Amino acid sequence: MVPAAPDRTAPSLPDGAVPGAPEDGTRPEGEAPAAKRRGPGRDLRAAIPVGIGLVAVLLVCLFVVPVVFPAFIALALVLAVLELTRALAAGGMRVPVMPVLVGVVGMVVTTEVFRLDGLVIATALAVCVLILWRVTESMGTVALRDVAAGVFTIAWVPFLGCFALLLFDRPDGALLVLLAFLVPVANDTGGFIAGVLLGRHPMAPSISPKKSWEGFFGSLVLGTAAAVVFLVFADTAPWWTGLVIGPVLVIISTCGDLAESLLKRDLGIKDMGHLLPGHGGVLDRIDSILLAAPATFILLEVLV
């Protein structure tokens, strides 16, 4: 008996369609969606050369012309503060920009001259000036909200960022600053590669859908390896401290990324700025480093 020929009049399925599934692409009720890897989520053709350029500028400021490193930090913090105040303004919070920017420069200068004591005193003065500046304009709950946003801005960006200057003042300070920058970069790189290739389990889908647990473990491996290898060759601290510094900085950097993602989601924006193609704004690039610098400073004080 000859088998019947297939019915060639049946409509063909679109590429990737599942037989029996509705034509609109929805899945039958009760069917779980298939896990799939997550895309890169950024323009690599722009991100890679910009990243290489930023690393080159950092290396020049650290090892070729170290006298300009404080100015480099001050410029980065000023740009990050401007981005943050604009983002907060989009959310209805008006942070007085002028006293905050003056406070940033004052905190950098006093940290460079008087070290940790100068940073603490300058931060307290910047907060006091901010409060007086804002309450003289108007009173009430709106002013209180703006003051809280201003204090948050000062504490997050210039206060934490000035710890890079405290690291720079230590013996082999340029190498220690490079360590505080290197591990967050390795954290991003390891998380990106592992997330693109293996990422299937979202870490915090409501905050940052692109982050996965596979990416986090990739960050943990590459970040720890980078810290250990760097300390072996730099000889600025015992190599085994990298086994502590690496994982701690990876966890802190990941928390910093998630915190900024949560803030941007609450404000309804994708990036803090657009100054760095493929990376977003300056604050998008240094959010992890802002937490890594003080963490590195404290860990070295405790471990070494």
C-alpha atoms as a PDB file:
ATOM      1  CA  MET A   1       0.000   0.000   0.000  1.00  0.00           C
ATOM      2  CA  VAL A   2       1.496   3.346  -1.044  1.00  0.00           C
ATOM      3  CA  PRO A   3       1.627   5.952   1.762  1.00  0.00           C
ATOM      4  CA  ALA A   4      -0.340   9.115   1.195  1.00  0.00           C
ATOM      5  CA  ALA A   5       1.600  12.135   0.018  1.00  0.00           C
ATOM      6  CA  PRO A   6       2.045  14.951   2.559  1.00  0.00           C
ATOM      7  CA  ASP A   7      -0.433  17.804   2.387  1.00  0.00           C
ATOM      8  CA  ARG A   8       1.552  20.624   0.760  1.00  0.00           C
ATOM      9  CA  THR A   9      -1.336  23.029   1.132  1.00  0.00           C
ATOM     10  CA  ALA A  10      -0.858  23.293   4.915  1.00  0.00           C
ATOM     11  CA  PRO A  11       0.459  26.706   5.972  1.00  0.00           C
ATOM     12  CA  SER A  12       4.175  26.799   6.748  1.00  0.00           C
ATOM     13  CA  LEU A  13       5.308  27.711  10.225  1.00  0.00           C
ATOM     14  CA  PRO A  14       7.394  30.828  10.802  1.00  0.00           C
ATOM     15  CA  ASP A  15      11.029  30.338  11.696  1.00  0.00           C
ATOM     16  CA  GLY A  16      11.339  29.227  15.313  1.00  0.00           C
ATOM     17  CA  ALA A  17       7.587  28.569  15.713  1.00  0.00           C
ATOM     18  CA  VAL A  18       6.444  25.559  17.692  1.00  0.00           C
ATOM     19  CA  PRO A  19       3.886  23.236  16.065  1.00  0.00           C
ATOM     20  CA  GLY A  20       0.552  23.542  17.793  1.00  0.00           C
ATOM     21  CA  ALA A  21       1.384  26.923  19.332  1.00  0.00           C
ATOM     22  CA  PRO A  22      -0.898  29.912  18.676  1.00  0.00           C
ATOM     23  CA  GLU A  23       0.061  32.002  15.637  1.00  0.00           C
ATOM     24  CA  ASP A  24       0.494  35.155  17.722  1.00  0.00           C
ATOM     25  CA  GLY A  25       3.517  33.636  19.442  1.00  0.00           C
ATOM     26  CA  THR A  26       1.865  33.102  22.841  1.00  0.00           C
ATOM     27  CA  ARG A  27       2.289  29.803  24.619  1.00  0.00           C
ATOM     28  CA  PRO A  28      -0.495  27.449  25.667  1.00  0.00           C
ATOM     29  CA  GLU A  29      -1.668  28.006  29.200  1.00  0.00           C
ATOM     30  CA  GLY A  30       0.493  26.236  31.775  1.00  0.00           C
ATOM     31  CA  GLU A  31       3.493  25.782  29.463  1.00  0.00           C
ATOM     32  CA  ALA A  32       6.713  27.196  30.944  1.00  0.00           C
ATOM     33  CA  PRO A  33       8.847  29.411  28.697  1.00  0.00           C
ATOM     34  CA  ALA A  34      12.088  27.866  27.516  1.00  0.00           C
ATOM     35  CA  ALA A  35      15.218  29.147  29.222  1.00  0.00           C
ATOM     36  CA  LYS A  36      17.476  31.109  26.923  1.00  0.00           C
ATOM     37  CA  ARG A  37      20.747  32.894  27.187  1.00  0.00           C
ATOM     38  CA  ARG A  38      20.789  36.617  27.533  1.00  0.00           C
ATOM     39  CA  GLY A  39      22.271  38.928  24.924  1.00  0.00           C
ATOM     40  CA  PRO A  40      25.120  41.332  25.552  1.00  0.00           C
ATOM     41  CA  GLY A  41      22.809  44.331  26.035  1.00  0.00           C
ATOM     42  CA  ARG A  42      25.447  46.881  24.966  1.00  0.00           C
ATOM     43  CA  ASP A  43      27.178  48.178  21.840  1.00  0.00           C
ATOM     44  CA  LEU A  44      30.513  46.360  21.988  1.00  0.00           C
ATOM     45  CA  ARG A  45      31.907  48.208  18.967  1.00  0.00           C
ATOM     46  CA  ALA A  46      31.674  51.428  20.965  1.00  0.00           C
ATOM     47  CA  ALA A  47      32.218  50.025  24.466  1.00  0.00           C
ATOM     48  CA  ILE A  48      35.549  48.272  23.806  1.00  0.00           C
ATOM     49  CA  PRO A  49      37.543  51.221  22.371  1.00  0.00           C
ATOM     50  CA  VAL A  50      36.081  53.602  24.961  1.00  0.00           C
ATOM     51  CA  GLY A  51      37.042  51.182  27.743  1.00  0.00           C
ATOM     52  CA  ILE A  52      40.578  50.843  26.386  1.00  0.00           C
ATOM     53  CA  GLY A  53      40.874  54.623  26.211  1.00  0.00           C
ATOM     54  CA  LEU A  54      39.744  55.040  29.819  1.00  0.00           C
ATOM     55  CA  VAL A  55      42.285  52.454  30.993  1.00  0.00           C
ATOM     56  CA  ALA A  56      45.025  54.228  29.060  1.00  0.00           C
ATOM     57  CA  VAL A  57      44.162  57.589  30.648  1.00  0.00           C
ATOM     58  CA  LEU A  58      44.135  55.991  34.110  1.00  0.00           C
ATOM     59  CA  LEU A  59      47.543  54.386  33.585  1.00  0.00           C
ATOM     60  CA  VAL A  60      49.031  57.676  32.406  1.00  0.00           C
ATOM     61  CA  CYS A  61      47.651  59.497  35.461  1.00  0.00           C
ATOM     62  CA  LEU A  62      48.945  56.809  37.825  1.00  0.00           C
ATOM     63  CA  PHE A  63      52.416  56.071  36.462  1.00  0.00           C
ATOM     64  CA  VAL A  64      53.458  58.720  33.925  1.00  0.00           C
ATOM     65  CA  VAL A  65      52.104  61.977  35.368  1.00  0.00           C
ATOM     66  CA  PRO A  66      50.990  61.057  38.916  1.00  0.00           C
ATOM     67  CA  VAL A  67      50.726  64.717  39.929  1.00  0.00           C
ATOM     68  CA  VAL A  68      47.521  65.006  37.854  1.00  0.00           C
ATOM     69  CA  PHE A  69      45.810  62.003  39.462  1.00  0.00           C
ATOM     70  CA  PRO A  70      43.895  64.123  42.041  1.00  0.00           C
ATOM     71  CA  ALA A  71      42.637  66.341  39.199  1.00  0.00           C
ATOM     72  CA  PHE A  72      41.580  63.219  37.281  1.00  0.00           C
ATOM     73  CA  ILE A  73      39.601  61.999  40.292  1.00  0.00           C
ATOM     74  CA  ALA A  74      38.060  65.446  40.827  1.00  0.00           C
ATOM     75  CA  LEU A  75      36.932  65.624  37.180  1.00  0.00           C
ATOM     76  CA  ALA A  76      35.380  62.152  37.316  1.00  0.00           C
ATOM     77  CA  LEU A  77      33.533  62.961  40.556  1.00  0.00           C
ATOM     78  CA  VAL A  78      32.254  66.318  39.254  1.00  0.00           C
ATOM     79  CA  LEU A  79      30.899  64.693  36.080  1.00  0.00           C
ATOM     80  CA  ALA A  80      29.313  61.872  38.102  1.00  0.00           C
ATOM     81  CA  VAL A  81      27.662  64.355  40.477  1.00  0.00           C
ATOM     82  CA  LEU A  82      26.244  66.351  37.556  1.00  0.00           C
ATOM     83  CA  GLU A  83      24.780  63.157  36.086  1.00  0.00           C
ATOM     84  CA  LEU A  84      23.289  62.124  39.417  1.00  0.00           C
ATOM     85  CA  THR A  85      21.725  65.512  40.149  1.00  0.00           C
ATOM     86  CA  ARG A  86      20.145  65.581  36.675  1.00  0.00           C
ATOM     87  CA  ALA A  87      18.785  62.077  37.202  1.00  0.00           C
ATOM     88  CA  LEU A  88      17.356  63.007  40.612  1.00  0.00           C
ATOM     89  CA  ALA A  89      15.801  66.123  39.062  1.00  0.00           C
ATOM     90  CA  ALA A  90      13.976  63.855  36.617  1.00  0.00           C
ATOM     91  CA  GLY A  91      12.499  62.155  39.680  1.00  0.00           C
ATOM     92  CA  GLY A  92      11.330  65.464  41.162  1.00  0.00           C
ATOM     93  CA  MET A  93      14.221  66.056  43.592  1.00  0.00           C
ATOM     94  CA  ARG A  94      16.045  69.377  43.199  1.00  0.00           C
ATOM     95  CA  VAL A  95      19.542  69.049  44.612  1.00  0.00           C
ATOM     96  CA  PRO A  96      21.385  72.412  44.862  1.00  0.00           C
ATOM     97  CA  VAL A  97      24.158  71.821  42.336  1.00  0.00           C
ATOM     98  CA  MET A  98      26.504  74.694  43.210  1.00  0.00           C
ATOM     99  CA  PRO A  99      27.178  73.841  46.885  1.00  0.00           C
ATOM    100  CA  VAL A 100      27.521  70.166  46.037  1.00  0.00           C
ATOM    101  CA  LEU A 101      30.109  70.836  43.316  1.00  0.00           C
ATOM    102  CA  VAL A 102      32.030  73.176  45.618  1.00  0.00           C
ATOM    103  CA  GLY A 103      31.890  70.439  48.229  1.00  0.00           C
ATOM    104  CA  VAL A 104      33.299  67.895  45.751  1.00  0.00           C
ATOM    105  CA  VAL A 105      36.329  70.064  44.970  1.00  0.00           C
ATOM    106  CA  GLY A 106      36.809  70.896  48.655  1.00  0.00           C
ATOM    107  CA  MET A 107      36.676  67.223  49.625  1.00  0.00           C
ATOM    108  CA  VAL A 108      39.274  66.301  47.014  1.00  0.00           C
ATOM    109  CA  VAL A 109      41.625  69.105  48.092  1.00  0.00           C
ATOM    110  CA  THR A 110      41.335  68.456  51.830  1.00  0.00           C
ATOM    111  CA  THR A 111      41.742  64.704  51.317  1.00  0.00           C
ATOM    112  CA  GLU A 112      44.906  65.327  49.318  1.00  0.00           C
ATOM    113  CA  VAL A 113      46.289  67.639  52.025  1.00  0.00           C
ATOM    114  CA  PHE A 114      44.972  66.242  55.324  1.00  0.00           C
ATOM    115  CA  ARG A 115      44.146  62.644  54.335  1.00  0.00           C
ATOM    116  CA  LEU A 116      41.297  60.831  56.131  1.00  0.00           C
ATOM    117  CA  ASP A 117      40.711  63.545  58.752  1.00  0.00           C
ATOM    118  CA  GLY A 118      40.409  66.125  56.010  1.00  0.00           C
ATOM    119  CA  LEU A 119      37.888  63.992  54.110  1.00  0.00           C
ATOM    120  CA  VAL A 120      35.660  63.570  57.172  1.00  0.00           C
ATOM    121  CA  ILE A 121      35.729  67.278  58.072  1.00  0.00           C
ATOM    122  CA  ALA A 122      35.164  68.408  54.468  1.00  0.00           C
ATOM    123  CA  THR A 123      32.227  66.013  54.108  1.00  0.00           C
ATOM    124  CA  ALA A 124      30.593  67.368  57.280  1.00  0.00           C
ATOM    125  CA  LEU A 125      31.079  70.955  56.078  1.00  0.00           C
ATOM    126  CA  ALA A 126      29.666  70.132  52.633  1.00  0.00           C
ATOM    127  CA  VAL A 127      26.538  68.637  54.216  1.00  0.00           C
ATOM    128  CA  CYS A 128      26.069  71.682  56.493  1.00  0.00           C
ATOM    129  CA  VAL A 129      26.430  74.122  53.589  1.00  0.00           C
ATOM    130  CA  LEU A 130      24.005  72.063  51.511  1.00  0.00           C
ATOM    131  CA  ILE A 131      21.366  72.137  54.271  1.00  0.00           C
ATOM    132  CA  LEU A 132      21.707  75.889  54.847  1.00  0.00           C
ATOM    133  CA  TRP A 133      21.643  76.617  51.118  1.00  0.00           C
ATOM    134  CA  ARG A 134      18.464  74.623  50.523  1.00  0.00           C
ATOM    135  CA  VAL A 135      16.434  75.664  53.574  1.00  0.00           C
ATOM    136  CA  THR A 136      17.072  79.363  52.882  1.00  0.00           C
ATOM    137  CA  GLU A 137      15.219  78.923  49.578  1.00  0.00           C
ATOM    138  CA  SER A 138      12.111  77.279  51.028  1.00  0.00           C
ATOM    139  CA  MET A 139      10.966  75.140  53.943  1.00  0.00           C
ATOM    140  CA  GLY A 140       8.719  72.135  54.294  1.00  0.00           C
ATOM    141  CA  THR A 141       8.734  68.496  53.270  1.00  0.00           C
ATOM    142  CA  VAL A 142       9.921  69.311  49.739  1.00  0.00           C
ATOM    143  CA  ALA A 143      13.067  70.984  51.096  1.00  0.00           C
ATOM    144  CA  LEU A 144      13.654  68.033  53.435  1.00  0.00           C
ATOM    145  CA  ARG A 145      13.414  65.629  50.508  1.00  0.00           C
ATOM    146  CA  ASP A 146      15.854  67.721  48.457  1.00  0.00           C
ATOM    147  CA  VAL A 147      18.304  67.901  51.372  1.00  0.00           C
ATOM    148  CA  ALA A 148      18.142  64.115  51.782  1.00  0.00           C
ATOM    149  CA  ALA A 149      18.859  63.682  48.072  1.00  0.00           C
ATOM    150  CA  GLY A 150      21.799  66.101  48.350  1.00  0.00           C
ATOM    151  CA  VAL A 151      23.286  64.292  51.353  1.00  0.00           C
ATOM    152  CA  PHE A 152      22.892  61.014  49.455  1.00  0.00           C
ATOM    153  CA  THR A 153      24.739  62.533  46.490  1.00  0.00           C
ATOM    154  CA  ILE A 154      27.637  63.745  48.656  1.00  0.00           C
ATOM    155  CA  ALA A 155      27.926  60.479  50.572  1.00  0.00           C
ATOM    156  CA  TRP A 156      27.734  58.227  47.525  1.00  0.00           C
ATOM    157  CA  VAL A 157      29.930  59.955  44.949  1.00  0.00           C
ATOM    158  CA  PRO A 158      32.623  62.303  46.370  1.00  0.00           C
ATOM    159  CA  PHE A 159      32.967  60.743  49.846  1.00  0.00           C
ATOM    160  CA  LEU A 160      33.462  57.196  48.550  1.00  0.00           C
ATOM    161  CA  GLY A 161      35.423  58.365  45.517  1.00  0.00           C
ATOM    162  CA  CYS A 162      38.000  60.204  47.639  1.00  0.00           C
ATOM    163  CA  PHE A 163      39.153  56.882  49.066  1.00  0.00           C
ATOM    164  CA  ALA A 164      41.009  56.422  45.785  1.00  0.00           C
ATOM    165  CA  LEU A 165      43.183  59.363  46.885  1.00  0.00           C
ATOM    166  CA  LEU A 166      43.750  57.725  50.282  1.00  0.00           C
ATOM    167  CA  LEU A 167      44.864  54.543  48.524  1.00  0.00           C
ATOM    168  CA  PHE A 168      47.134  56.579  46.260  1.00  0.00           C
ATOM    169  CA  ASP A 169      48.891  58.043  49.312  1.00  0.00           C
ATOM    170  CA  ARG A 170      49.901  54.622  50.666  1.00  0.00           C
ATOM    171  CA  PRO A 171      53.221  52.960  49.797  1.00  0.00           C
ATOM    172  CA  ASP A 172      52.882  51.589  46.257  1.00  0.00           C
ATOM    173  CA  GLY A 173      49.711  53.644  46.090  1.00  0.00           C
ATOM    174  CA  ALA A 174      49.475  53.653  42.297  1.00  0.00           C
ATOM    175  CA  LEU A 175      49.410  49.843  42.258  1.00  0.00           C
ATOM    176  CA  LEU A 176      46.806  49.718  45.012  1.00  0.00           C
ATOM    177  CA  VAL A 177      44.563  52.133  43.113  1.00  0.00           C
ATOM    178  CA  LEU A 178      45.007  49.949  40.043  1.00  0.00           C
ATOM    179  CA  LEU A 179      43.938  46.939  42.133  1.00  0.00           C
ATOM    180  CA  ALA A 180      40.771  48.743  43.262  1.00  0.00           C
ATOM    181  CA  PHE A 181      40.009  49.534  39.607  1.00  0.00           C
ATOM    182  CA  LEU A 182      41.084  46.157  38.218  1.00  0.00           C
ATOM    183  CA  VAL A 183      38.802  43.877  40.258  1.00  0.00           C
ATOM    184  CA  PRO A 184      35.563  45.750  39.359  1.00  0.00           C
ATOM    185  CA  VAL A 185      36.622  45.639  35.693  1.00  0.00           C
ATOM    186  CA  ALA A 186      37.286  41.898  36.006  1.00  0.00           C
ATOM    187  CA  ASN A 187      33.931  41.595  37.775  1.00  0.00           C
ATOM    188  CA  ASP A 188      32.153  43.238  34.835  1.00  0.00           C
ATOM    189  CA  THR A 189      34.123  41.263  32.244  1.00  0.00           C
ATOM    190  CA  GLY A 190      33.673  37.875  33.901  1.00  0.00           C
ATOM    191  CA  GLY A 191      29.999  38.519  34.526  1.00  0.00           C
ATOM    192  CA  PHE A 192      29.470  39.687  30.953  1.00  0.00           C
ATOM    193  CA  ILE A 193      31.186  36.673  29.345  1.00  0.00           C
ATOM    194  CA  ALA A 194      29.605  34.063  31.623  1.00  0.00           C
ATOM    195  CA  GLY A 195      26.215  35.778  31.435  1.00  0.00           C
ATOM    196  CA  VAL A 196      26.183  35.875  27.623  1.00  0.00           C
ATOM    197  CA  LEU A 197      27.439  32.310  27.197  1.00  0.00           C
ATOM    198  CA  LEU A 198      25.758  30.545  30.119  1.00  0.00           C
ATOM    199  CA  GLY A 199      23.284  32.912  31.760  1.00  0.00           C
ATOM    200  CA  ARG A 200      19.905  31.263  32.251  1.00  0.00           C
ATOM    201  CA  HIS A 201      18.926  32.043  35.857  1.00  0.00           C
ATOM    202  CA  PRO A 202      18.227  35.733  36.552  1.00  0.00           C
ATOM    203  CA  MET A 203      19.727  37.060  39.758  1.00  0.00           C
ATOM    204  CA  ALA A 204      17.333  39.979  40.276  1.00  0.00           C
ATOM    205  CA  PRO A 205      14.930  40.143  37.303  1.00  0.00           C
ATOM    206  CA  SER A 206      12.877  42.975  38.767  1.00  0.00           C
ATOM    207  CA  ILE A 207      15.980  45.156  39.199  1.00  0.00           C
ATOM    208  CA  SER A 208      18.465  44.160  36.475  1.00  0.00           C
ATOM    209  CA  PRO A 209      17.124  41.543  34.037  1.00  0.00           C
ATOM    210  CA  LYS A 210      20.518  41.088  32.372  1.00  0.00           C
ATOM    211  CA  LYS A 211      22.270  39.867  35.536  1.00  0.00           C
ATOM    212  CA  SER A 212      22.309  36.121  36.084  1.00  0.00           C
ATOM    213  CA  TRP A 213      23.685  33.781  38.714  1.00  0.00           C
ATOM    214  CA  GLU A 214      25.967  32.228  36.094  1.00  0.00           C
ATOM    215  CA  GLY A 215      27.319  35.687  35.380  1.00  0.00           C
ATOM    216  CA  PHE A 216      27.883  36.306  39.086  1.00  0.00           C
ATOM    217  CA  PHE A 217      29.952  33.129  39.436  1.00  0.00           C
ATOM    218  CA  GLY A 218      31.920  34.158  36.350  1.00  0.00           C
ATOM    219  CA  SER A 219      32.570  37.497  38.062  1.00  0.00           C
ATOM    220  CA  LEU A 220      33.632  35.716  41.251  1.00  0.00           C
ATOM    221  CA  VAL A 221      36.138  33.502  39.427  1.00  0.00           C
ATOM    222  CA  LEU A 222      37.689  36.186  37.224  1.00  0.00           C
ATOM    223  CA  GLY A 223      37.657  38.875  39.933  1.00  0.00           C
ATOM    224  CA  THR A 224      39.398  36.646  42.476  1.00  0.00           C
ATOM    225  CA  ALA A 225      41.904  35.400  39.902  1.00  0.00           C
ATOM    226  CA  ALA A 226      42.689  38.972  38.857  1.00  0.00           C
ATOM    227  CA  ALA A 227      43.315  40.023  42.472  1.00  0.00           C
ATOM    228  CA  VAL A 228      45.590  37.057  43.215  1.00  0.00           C
ATOM    229  CA  VAL A 229      47.606  37.317  39.986  1.00  0.00           C
ATOM    230  CA  PHE A 230      47.973  41.077  40.382  1.00  0.00           C
ATOM    231  CA  LEU A 231      49.279  40.778  43.952  1.00  0.00           C
ATOM    232  CA  VAL A 232      51.676  37.989  42.957  1.00  0.00           C
ATOM    233  CA  PHE A 233      53.354  40.189  40.339  1.00  0.00           C
ATOM    234  CA  ALA A 234      52.902  43.600  41.999  1.00  0.00           C
ATOM    235  CA  ASP A 235      54.171  42.381  45.398  1.00  0.00           C
ATOM    236  CA  THR A 236      52.323  45.179  47.212  1.00  0.00           C
ATOM    237  CA  ALA A 237      50.674  42.746  49.657  1.00  0.00           C
ATOM    238  CA  PRO A 238      50.825  38.991  50.355  1.00  0.00           C
ATOM    239  CA  TRP A 239      49.292  37.044  47.456  1.00  0.00           C
ATOM    240  CA  TRP A 240      46.813  35.289  49.740  1.00  0.00           C
ATOM    241  CA  THR A 241      45.109  38.612  50.524  1.00  0.00           C
ATOM    242  CA  GLY A 242      43.797  38.410  46.963  1.00  0.00           C
ATOM    243  CA  LEU A 243      41.701  35.425  48.066  1.00  0.00           C
ATOM    244  CA  VAL A 244      39.942  37.804  50.465  1.00  0.00           C
ATOM    245  CA  ILE A 245      40.035  41.073  48.552  1.00  0.00           C
ATOM    246  CA  GLY A 246      38.865  39.502  45.274  1.00  0.00           C
ATOM    247  CA  PRO A 247      35.591  37.914  46.454  1.00  0.00           C
ATOM    248  CA  VAL A 248      34.768  40.856  48.748  1.00  0.00           C
ATOM    249  CA  LEU A 249      35.205  43.388  45.947  1.00  0.00           C
ATOM    250  CA  VAL A 250      33.187  41.230  43.540  1.00  0.00           C
ATOM    251  CA  ILE A 251      30.280  41.020  45.986  1.00  0.00           C
ATOM    252  CA  ILE A 252      30.476  44.729  46.782  1.00  0.00           C
ATOM    253  CA  SER A 253      30.749  45.674  43.102  1.00  0.00           C
ATOM    254  CA  THR A 254      27.743  43.518  42.239  1.00  0.00           C
ATOM    255  CA  CYS A 255      25.729  45.125  45.041  1.00  0.00           C
ATOM    256  CA  GLY A 256      26.777  48.549  43.742  1.00  0.00           C
ATOM    257  CA  ASP A 257      25.607  47.673  40.233  1.00  0.00           C
ATOM    258  CA  LEU A 258      22.268  46.404  41.523  1.00  0.00           C
ATOM    259  CA  ALA A 259      21.799  49.455  43.753  1.00  0.00           C
ATOM    260  CA  GLU A 260      22.364  51.816  40.839  1.00  0.00           C
ATOM    261  CA  SER A 261      20.067  49.717  38.625  1.00  0.00           C
ATOM    262  CA  LEU A 262      17.358  49.957  41.284  1.00  0.00           C
ATOM    263  CA  LEU A 263      17.812  53.727  41.494  1.00  0.00           C
ATOM    264  CA  LYS A 264      17.620  54.102  37.710  1.00  0.00           C
ATOM    265  CA  ARG A 265      14.517  51.915  37.576  1.00  0.00           C
ATOM    266  CA  ASP A 266      12.840  54.046  40.250  1.00  0.00           C
ATOM    267  CA  LEU A 267      13.763  57.214  38.331  1.00  0.00           C
ATOM    268  CA  GLY A 268      12.597  55.721  35.039  1.00  0.00           C
ATOM    269  CA  ILE A 269      15.914  56.096  33.177  1.00  0.00           C
ATOM    270  CA  LYS A 270      18.198  53.613  31.408  1.00  0.00           C
ATOM    271  CA  ASP A 271      21.579  55.304  31.928  1.00  0.00           C
ATOM    272  CA  MET A 272      22.814  58.084  34.185  1.00  0.00           C
ATOM    273  CA  GLY A 273      24.355  59.830  31.179  1.00  0.00           C
ATOM    274  CA  HIS A 274      25.561  59.419  27.611  1.00  0.00           C
ATOM    275  CA  LEU A 275      29.099  60.776  27.771  1.00  0.00           C
ATOM    276  CA  LEU A 276      30.760  57.378  27.276  1.00  0.00           C
ATOM    277  CA  PRO A 277      29.401  55.500  24.217  1.00  0.00           C
ATOM    278  CA  GLY A 278      28.682  51.868  25.004  1.00  0.00           C
ATOM    279  CA  HIS A 279      28.975  52.496  28.755  1.00  0.00           C
ATOM    280  CA  GLY A 280      26.395  55.206  29.467  1.00  0.00           C
ATOM    281  CA  GLY A 281      27.568  57.952  31.783  1.00  0.00           C
ATOM    282  CA  VAL A 282      30.581  58.401  34.021  1.00  0.00           C
ATOM    283  CA  LEU A 283      28.570  57.252  37.051  1.00  0.00           C
ATOM    284  CA  ASP A 284      27.520  54.098  35.183  1.00  0.00           C
ATOM    285  CA  ARG A 285      31.204  53.311  34.730  1.00  0.00           C
ATOM    286  CA  ILE A 286      32.455  54.096  38.255  1.00  0.00           C
ATOM    287  CA  ASP A 287      29.512  52.899  40.368  1.00  0.00           C
ATOM    288  CA  SER A 288      31.383  49.699  41.320  1.00  0.00           C
ATOM    289  CA  ILE A 289      34.688  51.520  41.856  1.00  0.00           C
ATOM    290  CA  LEU A 290      33.040  53.951  44.293  1.00  0.00           C
ATOM    291  CA  LEU A 291      32.453  51.013  46.633  1.00  0.00           C
ATOM    292  CA  ALA A 292      35.614  49.088  45.730  1.00  0.00           C
ATOM    293  CA  ALA A 293      38.011  51.928  46.684  1.00  0.00           C
ATOM    294  CA  PRO A 294      36.962  52.243  50.361  1.00  0.00           C
ATOM    295  CA  ALA A 295      36.604  48.463  50.645  1.00  0.00           C
ATOM    296  CA  THR A 296      40.166  47.992  49.384  1.00  0.00           C
ATOM    297  CA  PHE A 297      41.457  50.685  51.755  1.00  0.00           C
ATOM    298  CA  ILE A 298      39.769  49.075  54.778  1.00  0.00           C
ATOM    299  CA  LEU A 299      40.800  45.518  53.839  1.00  0.00           C
ATOM    300  CA  LEU A 300      44.431  46.541  53.444  1.00  0.00           C
ATOM    301  CA  GLU A 301      44.310  48.283  56.823  1.00  0.00           C
ATOM    302  CA  VAL A 302      42.995  45.092  58.429  1.00  0.00           C
ATOM    303  CA  LEU A 303      44.936  42.414  56.517  1.00  0.00           C
ATOM    304  CA  VAL A 304      48.341  44.023  55.939  1.00  0.00           C
END
